[in-house]
Amino acid sequence: MKEKSNTQSPEKRGGFGSKIGFILAASGSAVGLGNIWRFPYLAAKYGGGIFLLVYLIFAVTFGFTLMITEIAIGRKTGKSVIGAYKDVNKHFAPLGWIAAAVPALILPYYCVIGGWVMKYMVEFLSVHGHRIATETYGDSNLSFFENFISHPLQPTIFFVIYVIINASVVMLGVQKGIETLSKFLMPVLLILIFGISIYTLTLDGALEGLKYYVQPNFKDFTFEQLLKTIVGAMGQLFYSMSLAMGIMITYGSYMRKEDALEQSVRQIEVFDTFVAFLAGLIIVPSVFVFSGGNADQLNAGPSLMFKTLPAVFDSMPAGDIIGGAFFILVTLAALTSSISLMETVTAVVMEKFRLNRVASCFVVIGITLVLGMLSVLGYSSWSEVKLLDMQFLDFFDFITNNVMMPILAFFTCILIGYVAKTSYVEDEVLHGQDRFSAKHLFRIMIKFVCPVCMIIILLTPFITTI
């Protein structure tokens, strides 16, 4: 009887109608701006092939462990993050509130960035790529991007449009909305990223960029650089695989019991890592060619997407077409991730306040618009207002990714490794499959390795500051 009381019926909560639907939706959540934008510049910054190697090792160990844990918790409890953690152990119920707060804080600023990407997509499709790459504004010679975000009207319009698109999908429900869209968008995204990456490799000099990207460069690579690479790869896993955001618990609660959990997680990992690698094939060789082999251009960080790449596309044959295709790709990738963030928050509102899906979604829209406008205005009208000497968007990004998510992941490891015991996840994995082939790896990672990794991630910003 207790098992039944912990799980809401599919009629009330909805659920994925097929295994492929779950895999594509979870992969869509994982494949977002973290893959298309952040992964390539981190790979370039941290030694190319060395970063790829370290990231791959962590993906199949650290990433696998956290993802299978979160999905198993979701499927076993059949609840949103708040109810799920409370069901595992009532003393760890506060973790559910942290897991709910993370996507609620990320979604607004993510939608702001999604609006920026959508603006660029519209500009490139309107054959304005050259203007984006070359025009400057005012006495300060602001770039197109700097001028765009410094005036709040257009960023607000694109932000609101982006939020409405997300909400329209979430309101349709899990099967009709998220699963249907994922089955369409993910193949399109894969075709686009594969096609653009092949094209960029045909450019003169691209093979040198490819070599820089995939070949480990141990020359002058110190222990300190290796440590930074390891921390960077671990941190990237949170972005790339949607970990410690409550998303995988929410999607796990919609997963069918008869589907093989371990196999599904491996397939999500492969899809996610493959897309991230292909994104690097687009960005690293093309920027390398454009800059004449200047590695500093690849370390442009966040500005790589909105300043460097438009100039790269402008220098290419058929640059508006390639740029347009690229920003369509990034927009689709951003949507699949932000939809999962909105779904996670909506599921919490539905469960805690007993509202239907549409009403819950309107509540989430309101929260998103209010918090998102802080990030919009933080670069324009309220640019002088800062939190911990950071713009609103940067502050929300820091507090979620550098503080809340590592804390959530750390205590989730403690909960499963030592309180509920590893059998909690292992038993759930055995629903739908005969054996848990990575059981011993899972036990070692969840009890010993992952908690240490979380402490390292938490301490790194403070150590770096000191």
Protein backbone atom coordinates (compact mmCIF):
# COMPACT_ATOMS: atom_id res chain seq x y z
CA MET A 1 0.00 0.00 0.00
CA LYS A 2 2.89 2.34 0.79
CA GLU A 3 4.31 1.94 -2.72
CA LYS A 4 1.00 3.03 -4.23
CA SER A 5 0.68 6.10 -2.04
CA ASN A 6 4.07 7.33 -3.18
CA THR A 7 3.21 7.34 -6.84
CA GLN A 8 0.71 9.48 -8.66
CA SER A 9 -1.17 7.83 -11.46
CA PRO A 10 -0.13 8.44 -15.08
CA GLU A 11 -3.57 9.88 -15.72
CA LYS A 12 -2.81 12.72 -13.27
CA ARG A 13 0.85 13.37 -14.03
CA GLY A 14 1.27 12.09 -17.56
CA GLY A 15 4.25 10.11 -18.76
CA PHE A 16 6.36 9.25 -21.77
CA GLY A 17 4.63 6.88 -24.15
CA SER A 18 7.78 5.14 -25.36
CA LYS A 19 11.39 4.47 -24.47
CA ILE A 20 12.65 6.46 -27.46
CA GLY A 21 10.44 9.36 -26.39
CA PHE A 22 12.06 9.41 -22.95
CA ILE A 23 15.60 9.10 -24.37
CA LEU A 24 15.08 11.91 -26.90
CA ALA A 25 13.43 14.19 -24.33
CA ALA A 26 16.17 13.57 -21.74
CA SER A 27 18.83 13.97 -24.44
CA GLY A 28 17.13 17.18 -25.55
CA SER A 29 17.32 18.47 -22.01
CA ALA A 30 21.01 17.59 -21.86
CA VAL A 31 21.76 19.03 -25.31
CA GLY A 32 21.53 22.77 -24.82
CA LEU A 33 23.66 25.89 -24.68
CA GLY A 34 26.09 24.01 -22.45
CA ASN A 35 26.92 21.68 -25.35
CA ILE A 36 26.77 24.02 -28.31
CA TRP A 37 28.36 27.05 -26.68
CA ARG A 38 30.20 26.25 -23.43
CA PHE A 39 31.76 22.87 -24.27
CA PRO A 40 33.77 24.06 -27.33
CA TYR A 41 35.37 27.06 -25.65
CA LEU A 42 36.21 25.03 -22.53
CA ALA A 43 37.78 22.34 -24.72
CA ALA A 44 39.87 25.01 -26.46
CA LYS A 45 40.79 26.65 -23.15
CA TYR A 46 41.85 23.46 -21.39
CA GLY A 47 44.15 21.79 -23.87
CA GLY A 48 41.84 20.47 -26.60
CA GLY A 49 42.31 16.72 -26.66
CA ILE A 50 43.26 16.62 -22.97
CA PHE A 51 39.92 18.16 -22.02
CA LEU A 52 38.07 15.76 -24.34
CA LEU A 53 39.78 12.77 -22.73
CA VAL A 54 39.13 13.95 -19.17
CA TYR A 55 35.52 14.85 -20.00
CA LEU A 56 34.85 11.45 -21.57
CA ILE A 57 36.22 9.63 -18.51
CA PHE A 58 34.02 11.69 -16.21
CA ALA A 59 30.97 11.29 -18.47
CA VAL A 60 31.01 7.47 -18.26
CA THR A 61 31.71 7.43 -14.49
CA PHE A 62 30.77 10.61 -12.62
CA GLY A 63 28.04 11.71 -15.05
CA PHE A 64 26.61 8.21 -15.41
CA THR A 65 26.37 7.78 -11.63
CA LEU A 66 24.56 11.04 -10.96
CA MET A 67 22.21 10.66 -13.92
CA ILE A 68 21.15 7.08 -13.15
CA THR A 69 20.67 8.08 -9.50
CA GLU A 70 18.38 11.00 -10.32
CA ILE A 71 16.32 9.11 -12.90
CA ALA A 72 15.96 6.14 -10.54
CA ILE A 73 14.75 8.41 -7.71
CA GLY A 74 12.22 9.99 -10.06
CA ARG A 75 10.90 6.72 -11.46
CA LYS A 76 10.72 5.00 -8.06
CA THR A 77 8.83 7.82 -6.33
CA GLY A 78 6.78 9.01 -9.31
CA LYS A 79 6.89 12.55 -7.93
CA SER A 80 8.37 15.96 -8.63
CA VAL A 81 11.64 16.85 -6.89
CA ILE A 82 10.12 18.10 -3.62
CA GLY A 83 8.03 14.99 -3.07
CA ALA A 84 10.74 12.68 -4.42
CA TYR A 85 13.46 13.60 -1.91
CA LYS A 86 10.96 13.51 0.95
CA ASP A 87 9.92 10.00 -0.10
CA VAL A 88 13.51 8.76 -0.14
CA ASN A 89 14.11 10.07 3.39
CA LYS A 90 12.06 12.69 5.24
CA HIS A 91 15.19 14.14 6.88
CA PHE A 92 16.54 15.02 3.42
CA ALA A 93 13.34 16.77 2.32
CA PRO A 94 15.11 20.19 2.14
CA LEU A 95 17.08 18.84 -0.83
CA GLY A 96 13.81 18.80 -2.75
CA TRP A 97 13.36 22.51 -2.22
CA ILE A 98 16.91 23.19 -3.40
CA ALA A 99 16.26 20.97 -6.43
CA ALA A 100 13.11 22.99 -7.16
CA ALA A 101 14.82 26.35 -6.65
CA VAL A 102 17.68 25.57 -9.08
CA PRO A 103 15.55 25.33 -12.27
CA ALA A 104 13.31 28.16 -11.02
CA LEU A 105 16.37 30.43 -10.91
CA ILE A 106 18.04 29.12 -14.07
CA LEU A 107 14.95 29.19 -16.31
CA PRO A 108 14.50 33.02 -16.34
CA TYR A 109 18.06 33.93 -17.34
CA TYR A 110 18.28 30.93 -19.68
CA CYS A 111 15.22 32.27 -21.50
CA VAL A 112 16.88 35.69 -21.73
CA ILE A 113 19.90 34.09 -23.44
CA GLY A 114 17.50 32.04 -25.56
CA GLY A 115 15.94 35.31 -26.69
CA TRP A 116 19.37 36.62 -27.67
CA VAL A 117 20.02 33.50 -29.73
CA MET A 118 16.61 33.83 -31.39
CA LYS A 119 17.40 37.45 -32.28
CA TYR A 120 20.62 36.33 -33.99
CA MET A 121 18.77 33.57 -35.83
CA VAL A 122 16.28 36.13 -37.20
CA GLU A 123 19.09 38.51 -38.21
CA PHE A 124 21.07 35.83 -40.06
CA LEU A 125 17.97 34.46 -41.77
CA SER A 126 17.24 38.06 -42.85
CA VAL A 127 20.72 38.11 -44.46
CA HIS A 128 22.04 40.65 -41.96
CA GLY A 129 25.07 38.62 -40.90
CA HIS A 130 27.54 41.18 -42.23
CA ARG A 131 25.87 43.94 -40.18
CA ILE A 132 26.11 41.85 -37.00
CA ALA A 133 29.79 41.18 -37.63
CA THR A 134 30.94 44.67 -38.58
CA GLU A 135 28.67 47.48 -37.41
CA THR A 136 29.54 49.57 -34.35
CA TYR A 137 27.35 52.04 -32.50
CA GLY A 138 27.79 55.30 -30.61
CA ASP A 139 30.89 57.09 -29.43
CA SER A 140 32.01 53.99 -27.54
CA ASN A 141 31.96 51.88 -30.72
CA LEU A 142 29.68 49.28 -29.16
CA SER A 143 29.44 45.99 -31.03
CA PHE A 144 26.09 44.82 -32.40
CA PHE A 145 25.63 42.55 -29.40
CA GLU A 146 26.59 45.20 -26.83
CA ASN A 147 24.23 47.69 -28.44
CA PHE A 148 21.43 45.11 -28.60
CA ILE A 149 21.50 44.16 -24.90
CA SER A 150 22.04 47.77 -23.72
CA HIS A 151 18.58 48.79 -25.01
CA PRO A 152 15.87 46.79 -23.17
CA LEU A 153 13.02 46.85 -25.72
CA GLN A 154 14.19 44.24 -28.23
CA PRO A 155 15.75 41.88 -25.64
CA THR A 156 12.44 42.02 -23.74
CA ILE A 157 10.40 41.23 -26.86
CA PHE A 158 12.54 38.23 -27.80
CA PHE A 159 12.65 37.07 -24.17
CA VAL A 160 8.84 37.11 -23.92
CA ILE A 161 8.43 35.32 -27.28
CA TYR A 162 10.89 32.67 -26.17
CA VAL A 163 9.04 32.12 -22.87
CA ILE A 164 5.69 31.81 -24.71
CA ILE A 165 7.12 29.15 -27.05
CA ASN A 166 8.36 27.14 -24.06
CA ALA A 167 5.06 27.47 -22.23
CA SER A 168 3.05 26.41 -25.30
CA VAL A 169 4.91 23.10 -25.40
CA VAL A 170 4.74 22.47 -21.64
CA MET A 171 0.99 23.20 -21.54
CA LEU A 172 0.39 20.41 -24.06
CA GLY A 173 1.73 17.89 -21.56
CA VAL A 174 4.43 15.23 -21.48
CA GLN A 175 3.38 13.07 -24.44
CA LYS A 176 1.62 15.59 -26.69
CA GLY A 177 4.06 18.41 -25.95
CA ILE A 178 7.54 17.42 -24.80
CA GLU A 179 7.75 13.92 -26.29
CA THR A 180 6.24 14.88 -29.65
CA LEU A 181 8.48 17.93 -30.00
CA SER A 182 11.59 15.98 -28.94
CA LYS A 183 10.94 13.28 -31.55
CA PHE A 184 10.88 16.00 -34.21
CA LEU A 185 13.56 18.43 -32.97
CA MET A 186 16.31 16.03 -31.97
CA PRO A 187 16.73 14.39 -35.41
CA VAL A 188 16.61 17.86 -37.03
CA LEU A 189 19.21 19.12 -34.57
CA LEU A 190 21.45 16.13 -35.27
CA ILE A 191 21.22 16.61 -39.05
CA LEU A 192 22.01 20.33 -38.73
CA ILE A 193 25.00 19.91 -36.44
CA PHE A 194 26.43 17.05 -38.48
CA GLY A 195 26.03 18.94 -41.75
CA ILE A 196 27.55 22.20 -40.48
CA SER A 197 30.48 20.39 -38.84
CA ILE A 198 31.29 18.59 -42.10
CA TYR A 199 31.15 21.90 -43.97
CA THR A 200 33.52 23.67 -41.57
CA LEU A 201 36.08 20.88 -41.95
CA THR A 202 36.23 21.59 -45.70
CA LEU A 203 37.50 25.16 -45.11
CA ASP A 204 41.14 25.91 -45.86
CA GLY A 205 43.19 25.46 -42.70
CA ALA A 206 40.39 23.69 -40.82
CA LEU A 207 42.43 20.52 -40.35
CA GLU A 208 44.92 22.46 -38.22
CA GLY A 209 42.02 23.59 -36.07
CA LEU A 210 40.79 19.99 -35.87
CA LYS A 211 44.25 18.91 -34.74
CA TYR A 212 44.25 21.59 -32.05
CA TYR A 213 40.79 20.41 -30.92
CA VAL A 214 41.31 16.65 -30.70
CA GLN A 215 45.04 16.14 -30.18
CA PRO A 216 46.15 16.24 -26.52
CA ASN A 217 48.79 18.91 -26.07
CA PHE A 218 50.96 18.05 -23.07
CA LYS A 219 53.61 20.66 -23.89
CA ASP A 220 54.02 22.99 -20.92
CA PHE A 221 50.89 21.44 -19.38
CA THR A 222 51.43 21.84 -15.64
CA PHE A 223 49.77 20.06 -12.72
CA GLU A 224 47.84 23.26 -11.96
CA GLN A 225 46.48 23.31 -15.53
CA LEU A 226 45.53 19.64 -15.24
CA LEU A 227 43.64 20.36 -12.01
CA LYS A 228 41.78 23.24 -13.69
CA THR A 229 40.96 20.95 -16.62
CA ILE A 230 39.56 18.30 -14.29
CA VAL A 231 37.42 20.85 -12.42
CA GLY A 232 36.30 22.40 -15.72
CA ALA A 233 35.28 18.99 -17.10
CA MET A 234 33.36 18.11 -13.92
CA GLY A 235 31.59 21.46 -13.94
CA GLN A 236 30.71 21.07 -17.61
CA LEU A 237 28.97 17.76 -16.86
CA PHE A 238 26.31 19.63 -14.89
CA TYR A 239 25.58 21.81 -17.93
CA SER A 240 25.90 19.06 -20.52
CA MET A 241 23.89 16.36 -18.76
CA SER A 242 21.30 18.45 -16.86
CA LEU A 243 22.49 17.13 -13.51
CA ALA A 244 21.49 18.49 -10.08
CA MET A 245 18.75 20.63 -11.66
CA GLY A 246 15.80 18.43 -10.75
CA ILE A 247 15.23 17.74 -14.46
CA MET A 248 16.29 14.10 -14.53
CA ILE A 249 14.24 13.33 -11.42
CA THR A 250 11.19 14.92 -13.07
CA TYR A 251 11.72 13.12 -16.38
CA GLY A 252 12.47 9.90 -14.48
CA SER A 253 9.06 10.18 -12.81
CA TYR A 254 7.52 10.04 -16.30
CA MET A 255 9.60 7.02 -17.41
CA ARG A 256 7.90 3.65 -17.90
CA LYS A 257 8.82 0.88 -15.43
CA GLU A 258 9.41 -1.68 -18.17
CA ASP A 259 12.13 0.37 -19.92
CA ALA A 260 15.76 -0.51 -19.21
CA LEU A 261 17.12 2.34 -17.10
CA GLU A 262 20.85 1.63 -17.37
CA GLN A 263 20.72 1.24 -21.14
CA SER A 264 18.68 4.44 -21.48
CA VAL A 265 21.21 6.45 -19.46
CA ARG A 266 24.08 5.13 -21.60
CA GLN A 267 22.23 6.14 -24.76
CA ILE A 268 21.57 9.63 -23.39
CA GLU A 269 25.27 9.94 -22.52
CA VAL A 270 26.38 8.91 -26.00
CA PHE A 271 23.93 11.28 -27.71
CA ASP A 272 24.85 14.18 -25.46
CA THR A 273 28.63 13.72 -25.77
CA PHE A 274 28.43 13.20 -29.53
CA VAL A 275 26.53 16.47 -30.01
CA ALA A 276 28.99 18.35 -27.77
CA PHE A 277 31.90 16.94 -29.77
CA LEU A 278 30.28 17.94 -33.08
CA ALA A 279 29.67 21.45 -31.73
CA GLY A 280 33.39 21.67 -31.13
CA LEU A 281 34.00 20.55 -34.72
CA ILE A 282 31.95 23.52 -35.88
CA ILE A 283 33.37 26.19 -33.62
CA VAL A 284 37.03 25.34 -32.94
CA PRO A 285 38.28 24.73 -36.52
CA SER A 286 36.28 27.64 -37.98
CA VAL A 287 37.49 30.14 -35.33
CA PHE A 288 41.00 28.72 -35.68
CA VAL A 289 40.92 29.38 -39.43
CA PHE A 290 39.41 32.85 -38.99
CA SER A 291 42.00 33.89 -36.38
CA GLY A 292 44.96 32.55 -38.31
CA GLY A 293 45.67 29.99 -35.61
CA ASN A 294 45.41 32.44 -32.70
CA ALA A 295 44.29 30.32 -29.74
CA ASP A 296 43.32 33.45 -27.75
CA GLN A 297 40.31 33.88 -30.06
CA LEU A 298 39.06 30.47 -28.92
CA ASN A 299 39.27 31.53 -25.28
CA ALA A 300 36.79 34.35 -25.78
CA GLY A 301 34.42 32.59 -23.38
CA PRO A 302 30.76 33.67 -23.46
CA SER A 303 31.43 36.37 -26.09
CA LEU A 304 32.45 33.62 -28.52
CA MET A 305 28.83 33.01 -29.50
CA PHE A 306 27.69 36.58 -30.00
CA LYS A 307 30.83 38.42 -31.13
CA THR A 308 33.47 36.07 -32.52
CA LEU A 309 31.30 33.57 -34.41
CA PRO A 310 29.33 36.19 -36.43
CA ALA A 311 32.68 37.54 -37.67
CA VAL A 312 33.75 33.98 -38.50
CA PHE A 313 30.57 33.34 -40.50
CA ASP A 314 30.96 36.69 -42.26
CA SER A 315 34.38 35.57 -43.51
CA MET A 316 33.01 32.30 -44.92
CA PRO A 317 31.54 31.63 -48.35
CA ALA A 318 27.73 31.59 -47.94
CA GLY A 319 28.24 32.96 -44.43
CA ASP A 320 24.62 34.08 -43.94
CA ILE A 321 23.36 30.59 -44.80
CA ILE A 322 25.84 28.84 -42.51
CA GLY A 323 25.27 31.41 -39.76
CA GLY A 324 21.51 31.10 -40.13
CA ALA A 325 21.70 27.29 -39.95
CA PHE A 326 23.98 27.51 -36.91
CA PHE A 327 21.68 29.82 -34.96
CA ILE A 328 18.66 27.69 -35.88
CA LEU A 329 20.64 24.81 -34.39
CA VAL A 330 21.45 26.75 -31.22
CA THR A 331 17.85 27.96 -30.86
CA LEU A 332 16.53 24.39 -31.11
CA ALA A 333 19.12 23.14 -28.63
CA ALA A 334 18.28 25.95 -26.22
CA LEU A 335 14.55 25.20 -26.51
CA THR A 336 14.89 21.50 -25.69
CA SER A 337 16.76 22.44 -22.50
CA SER A 338 14.61 25.36 -21.37
CA ILE A 339 11.44 23.31 -21.94
CA SER A 340 12.79 20.70 -19.51
CA LEU A 341 13.56 23.44 -16.97
CA MET A 342 10.03 24.84 -17.28
CA GLU A 343 8.52 21.36 -17.04
CA THR A 344 10.44 20.68 -13.83
CA VAL A 345 9.17 23.87 -12.17
CA THR A 346 5.64 23.29 -13.51
CA ALA A 347 5.61 19.75 -12.07
CA VAL A 348 6.48 21.16 -8.64
CA VAL A 349 3.69 23.75 -8.79
CA MET A 350 1.19 21.09 -9.94
CA GLU A 351 2.11 18.79 -7.08
CA LYS A 352 2.43 21.30 -4.24
CA PHE A 353 -0.52 23.54 -5.05
CA ARG A 354 -2.85 20.95 -6.63
CA LEU A 355 -3.30 23.05 -9.77
CA ASN A 356 -3.85 21.67 -13.24
CA ARG A 357 -1.09 21.85 -15.84
CA VAL A 358 -2.28 25.02 -17.60
CA ALA A 359 -2.79 27.00 -14.39
CA SER A 360 0.57 25.81 -13.05
CA CYS A 361 2.25 26.85 -16.27
CA PHE A 362 0.82 30.36 -15.98
CA VAL A 363 2.27 30.61 -12.46
CA VAL A 364 5.68 29.58 -13.83
CA ILE A 365 5.37 32.08 -16.70
CA GLY A 366 4.80 34.86 -14.16
CA ILE A 367 7.83 33.88 -12.07
CA THR A 368 9.98 33.54 -15.19
CA LEU A 369 9.00 36.94 -16.60
CA VAL A 370 9.61 38.77 -13.32
CA LEU A 371 13.02 37.19 -12.61
CA GLY A 372 14.01 37.24 -16.27
CA MET A 373 13.44 40.97 -16.53
CA LEU A 374 16.09 41.46 -13.86
CA SER A 375 18.61 39.87 -16.24
CA VAL A 376 17.32 41.90 -19.20
CA LEU A 377 17.51 45.21 -17.32
CA GLY A 378 20.80 44.25 -15.71
CA TYR A 379 22.54 44.98 -19.01
CA SER A 380 20.60 48.16 -19.77
CA SER A 381 18.52 50.35 -17.45
CA TRP A 382 19.80 48.75 -14.23
CA SER A 383 23.37 48.09 -15.33
CA GLU A 384 24.69 49.95 -12.26
CA VAL A 385 22.83 47.63 -9.88
CA LYS A 386 24.93 44.60 -8.97
CA LEU A 387 24.83 41.65 -6.58
CA LEU A 388 28.23 40.56 -5.20
CA ASP A 389 29.71 42.83 -7.88
CA MET A 390 27.93 40.81 -10.61
CA GLN A 391 25.16 41.58 -13.09
CA PHE A 392 21.85 39.86 -12.24
CA LEU A 393 22.32 37.18 -14.92
CA ASP A 394 25.87 36.42 -13.78
CA PHE A 395 24.76 36.30 -10.15
CA PHE A 396 21.94 33.81 -10.84
CA ASP A 397 24.35 31.72 -12.90
CA PHE A 398 26.98 31.75 -10.13
CA ILE A 399 24.64 30.97 -7.24
CA THR A 400 23.01 28.04 -9.05
CA ASN A 401 25.99 26.47 -10.83
CA ASN A 402 28.77 27.13 -8.35
CA VAL A 403 26.87 26.75 -5.08
CA MET A 404 23.42 25.16 -5.17
CA MET A 405 24.02 22.40 -7.72
CA PRO A 406 27.24 21.01 -6.16
CA ILE A 407 25.61 21.10 -2.71
CA LEU A 408 22.55 19.28 -4.05
CA ALA A 409 24.69 16.67 -5.81
CA PHE A 410 26.89 16.16 -2.72
CA PHE A 411 23.99 15.49 -0.36
CA THR A 412 22.25 13.32 -2.97
CA CYS A 413 25.37 11.14 -2.96
CA ILE A 414 25.32 11.00 0.85
CA LEU A 415 21.60 10.19 0.83
CA ILE A 416 21.91 7.28 -1.62
CA GLY A 417 25.39 6.11 -0.63
CA TYR A 418 24.94 6.02 3.14
CA VAL A 419 21.35 6.68 4.25
CA ALA A 420 18.94 5.03 1.82
CA LYS A 421 21.84 2.80 0.68
CA THR A 422 22.83 2.01 -2.90
CA SER A 423 20.21 -0.75 -3.07
CA TYR A 424 17.59 2.02 -3.39
CA VAL A 425 18.83 2.81 -6.89
CA GLU A 426 20.02 -0.70 -7.73
CA ASP A 427 16.58 -2.22 -7.11
CA GLU A 428 14.94 0.38 -9.35
CA VAL A 429 17.47 -0.24 -12.12
CA LEU A 430 16.53 -3.94 -12.09
CA HIS A 431 12.97 -3.06 -13.12
CA GLY A 432 12.99 -3.64 -16.87
CA GLN A 433 16.40 -5.37 -17.08
CA ASP A 434 17.99 -8.57 -15.79
CA ARG A 435 21.16 -7.14 -14.24
CA PHE A 436 22.87 -3.88 -13.34
CA SER A 437 26.16 -4.30 -15.16
CA ALA A 438 27.76 -1.14 -13.72
CA LYS A 439 26.68 -1.86 -10.13
CA HIS A 440 30.19 -1.98 -8.64
CA LEU A 441 31.25 1.18 -10.46
CA PHE A 442 28.07 2.87 -9.28
CA ARG A 443 28.73 1.96 -5.63
CA ILE A 444 32.32 3.23 -5.67
CA MET A 445 31.36 6.46 -7.44
CA ILE A 446 28.29 7.35 -5.36
CA LYS A 447 29.93 6.59 -2.00
CA PHE A 448 33.48 7.81 -2.47
CA VAL A 449 34.42 9.53 -5.73
CA CYS A 450 31.41 11.76 -6.48
CA PRO A 451 31.23 13.35 -2.99
CA VAL A 452 34.93 14.27 -3.21
CA CYS A 453 34.37 15.71 -6.70
CA MET A 454 31.54 17.87 -5.35
CA ILE A 455 33.73 19.24 -2.56
CA ILE A 456 36.44 20.09 -5.10
CA ILE A 457 33.93 21.94 -7.32
CA LEU A 458 32.54 23.84 -4.32
CA LEU A 459 35.95 24.91 -3.04
CA THR A 460 37.57 25.77 -6.37
CA PRO A 461 36.03 29.28 -6.83
CA PHE A 462 37.05 30.27 -3.31
CA ILE A 463 40.56 28.83 -3.67
CA THR A 464 40.94 30.61 -7.01
CA THR A 465 39.77 33.90 -5.47
CA ILE A 466 42.21 33.56 -2.59
